[in-house]
Amino acid sequence: MRIGAVVGATSFGTILAAASASSASAAVRIVSDAGGQIGPYLESLAQLRSSGQNVIIDGPCLSACTLVLGVIPRERICVTSRARLGFHAAWHPGDNGQPTPSRGGTQLLMEVYPQQVRRWLARKGGLTPQMKYLAGRELAAMYSACR
């Protein structure tokens, strides 16, 4: 989760922009989102929460994308069998351009995630630089299957 990175053109923000033109009853589908900066994701997700739209997680949702779990009400999220969430500690580019851990960013992530995700992360050793994936039965036990 890069704090200082630029969100790419295929980011959740782009998906949100396209979805905002549709009706409030439509759903936003996350098919492949590699994440990006925490701040822009929180802003986009707050807009999505206010829109009343549902979220379908239908593929990889990595890094800052996983904030969707803490911002959008659980009853408005469903997952498909292709859903795969990837979690890691926050970081920002250091003086030498190398990733530098961000304790504050990582703490923010943990505060945003819902309790069941925090418990799962704790069982997996917490947020670390290595990606941890939540998918399959473990994910299906936390979120409804899409119909």
Protein backbone atom coordinates (compact mmCIF):
# COMPACT_ATOMS: atom_id res chain seq x y z
CA MET A 1 0.00 0.00 0.00
CA ARG A 2 1.96 2.93 -1.22
CA ILE A 3 1.17 6.18 0.49
CA GLY A 4 3.11 8.31 -1.98
CA ALA A 5 2.27 6.49 -5.20
CA VAL A 6 0.06 7.64 -8.02
CA VAL A 7 -3.11 5.64 -8.56
CA GLY A 8 -3.08 4.01 -11.99
CA ALA A 9 -5.61 4.48 -14.76
CA THR A 10 -7.22 1.11 -14.08
CA SER A 11 -7.65 1.88 -10.41
CA PHE A 12 -10.76 1.71 -8.29
CA GLY A 13 -11.13 5.48 -8.71
CA THR A 14 -11.55 4.99 -12.44
CA ILE A 15 -14.09 2.25 -11.86
CA LEU A 16 -15.93 4.52 -9.44
CA ALA A 17 -15.99 7.40 -11.91
CA ALA A 18 -17.60 5.17 -14.52
CA ALA A 19 -20.07 3.76 -12.02
CA SER A 20 -21.15 7.16 -10.70
CA ALA A 21 -22.86 7.88 -14.01
CA SER A 22 -25.21 4.94 -13.47
CA SER A 23 -28.17 4.63 -11.15
CA ALA A 24 -27.80 4.15 -7.40
CA SER A 25 -29.18 0.61 -7.72
CA ALA A 26 -26.31 -0.46 -9.97
CA ALA A 27 -23.33 -2.33 -8.60
CA VAL A 28 -19.65 -1.58 -8.87
CA ARG A 29 -17.66 -4.64 -9.94
CA ILE A 30 -14.03 -4.97 -8.88
CA VAL A 31 -12.36 -7.26 -11.41
CA SER A 32 -8.67 -6.43 -11.04
CA ASP A 33 -7.43 -3.67 -8.77
CA ALA A 34 -3.78 -3.50 -7.70
CA GLY A 35 -4.32 -0.67 -5.20
CA GLY A 36 -2.49 2.60 -4.74
CA GLN A 37 -2.54 5.52 -2.32
CA ILE A 38 -4.65 5.12 0.81
CA GLY A 39 -6.07 8.68 0.77
CA PRO A 40 -7.59 8.64 -2.73
CA TYR A 41 -9.07 5.20 -2.08
CA LEU A 42 -10.73 6.38 1.13
CA GLU A 43 -12.18 9.40 -0.71
CA SER A 44 -13.51 7.30 -3.60
CA LEU A 45 -14.91 4.67 -1.26
CA ALA A 46 -16.67 7.33 0.84
CA GLN A 47 -18.38 8.55 -2.36
CA LEU A 48 -19.34 4.98 -3.21
CA ARG A 49 -20.73 4.42 0.29
CA SER A 50 -22.86 7.58 -0.07
CA SER A 51 -24.13 6.47 -3.48
CA GLY A 52 -25.85 3.41 -2.04
CA GLN A 53 -24.34 1.17 -4.71
CA ASN A 54 -23.42 -2.43 -3.99
CA VAL A 55 -19.92 -3.81 -4.58
CA ILE A 56 -19.16 -7.08 -6.33
CA ILE A 57 -15.62 -8.32 -5.75
CA ASP A 58 -14.98 -10.52 -8.77
CA GLY A 59 -11.20 -10.82 -8.96
CA PRO A 60 -8.03 -9.50 -7.37
CA CYS A 61 -8.52 -6.58 -4.96
CA LEU A 62 -5.09 -5.81 -3.59
CA SER A 63 -3.46 -3.32 -1.26
CA ALA A 64 -5.54 -0.12 -0.82
CA CYS A 65 -8.42 -1.75 -2.70
CA THR A 66 -9.04 -3.89 0.41
CA LEU A 67 -10.22 -0.75 2.23
CA VAL A 68 -13.55 -1.44 0.51
CA LEU A 69 -14.18 -3.98 3.29
CA GLY A 70 -14.07 -1.33 5.98
CA VAL A 71 -15.78 1.55 4.21
CA ILE A 72 -18.69 -0.12 2.42
CA PRO A 73 -21.28 -1.76 4.69
CA ARG A 74 -20.87 -5.54 4.75
CA GLU A 75 -24.43 -6.11 3.52
CA ARG A 76 -23.59 -4.17 0.32
CA ILE A 77 -20.56 -6.34 -0.54
CA CYS A 78 -20.65 -9.72 -2.23
CA VAL A 79 -17.82 -11.91 -3.50
CA THR A 80 -17.53 -14.34 -6.38
CA SER A 81 -15.39 -17.46 -6.51
CA ARG A 82 -12.75 -15.36 -8.33
CA ALA A 83 -12.46 -12.80 -5.51
CA ARG A 84 -8.98 -12.61 -3.98
CA LEU A 85 -8.03 -9.91 -1.49
CA GLY A 86 -4.38 -9.11 -0.87
CA PHE A 87 -3.23 -7.33 2.30
CA HIS A 88 0.15 -5.90 3.27
CA ALA A 89 1.60 -3.19 5.48
CA ALA A 90 1.55 0.40 4.22
CA TRP A 91 4.73 1.98 2.89
CA HIS A 92 6.01 5.06 1.14
CA PRO A 93 9.04 5.67 -1.06
CA GLY A 94 12.14 6.40 1.04
CA ASP A 95 14.89 8.88 0.21
CA ASN A 96 16.60 6.25 -1.94
CA GLY A 97 13.33 5.35 -3.68
CA GLN A 98 13.05 2.06 -1.82
CA PRO A 99 9.86 1.21 0.09
CA THR A 100 9.90 2.50 3.67
CA PRO A 101 7.36 1.07 6.13
CA SER A 102 4.65 3.47 7.27
CA ARG A 103 3.58 2.69 10.83
CA GLY A 104 0.86 5.36 10.69
CA GLY A 105 -0.49 4.10 7.38
CA THR A 106 -0.52 0.52 8.61
CA GLN A 107 -2.32 1.58 11.81
CA LEU A 108 -4.91 3.43 9.71
CA LEU A 109 -5.54 0.32 7.64
CA MET A 110 -6.11 -1.76 10.75
CA GLU A 111 -8.52 0.85 12.11
CA VAL A 112 -10.54 0.86 8.88
CA TYR A 113 -10.78 -2.91 8.42
CA PRO A 114 -13.79 -4.61 10.02
CA GLN A 115 -13.25 -6.77 13.09
CA GLN A 116 -13.43 -10.12 11.26
CA VAL A 117 -10.69 -9.00 8.84
CA ARG A 118 -8.53 -7.73 11.72
CA ARG A 119 -8.92 -11.11 13.46
CA TRP A 120 -8.00 -12.95 10.24
CA LEU A 121 -4.93 -10.75 9.79
CA ALA A 122 -3.90 -11.32 13.41
CA ARG A 123 -4.06 -15.09 12.83
CA LYS A 124 -1.83 -14.63 9.77
CA GLY A 125 0.79 -12.58 11.64
CA GLY A 126 -0.60 -9.08 11.02
CA LEU A 127 0.16 -6.67 8.22
CA THR A 128 3.72 -7.17 7.01
CA PRO A 129 5.58 -6.27 3.80
CA GLN A 130 4.59 -9.68 2.40
CA MET A 131 1.16 -9.96 0.77
CA LYS A 132 -1.38 -12.14 2.57
CA TYR A 133 -4.33 -13.39 0.54
CA LEU A 134 -7.92 -13.87 1.69
CA ALA A 135 -9.94 -15.95 -0.74
CA GLY A 136 -12.02 -19.10 -1.11
CA ARG A 137 -13.75 -20.54 1.94
CA GLU A 138 -12.18 -18.07 4.35
CA LEU A 139 -13.54 -15.13 2.37
CA ALA A 140 -16.90 -16.81 1.77
CA ALA A 141 -17.27 -17.25 5.53
CA MET A 142 -17.05 -13.46 5.95
CA TYR A 143 -18.99 -12.11 2.95
CA SER A 144 -22.06 -13.17 0.97
CA ALA A 145 -21.71 -14.89 -2.36
CA CYS A 146 -22.89 -12.82 -5.31
CA ARG A 147 -26.11 -14.02 -6.93
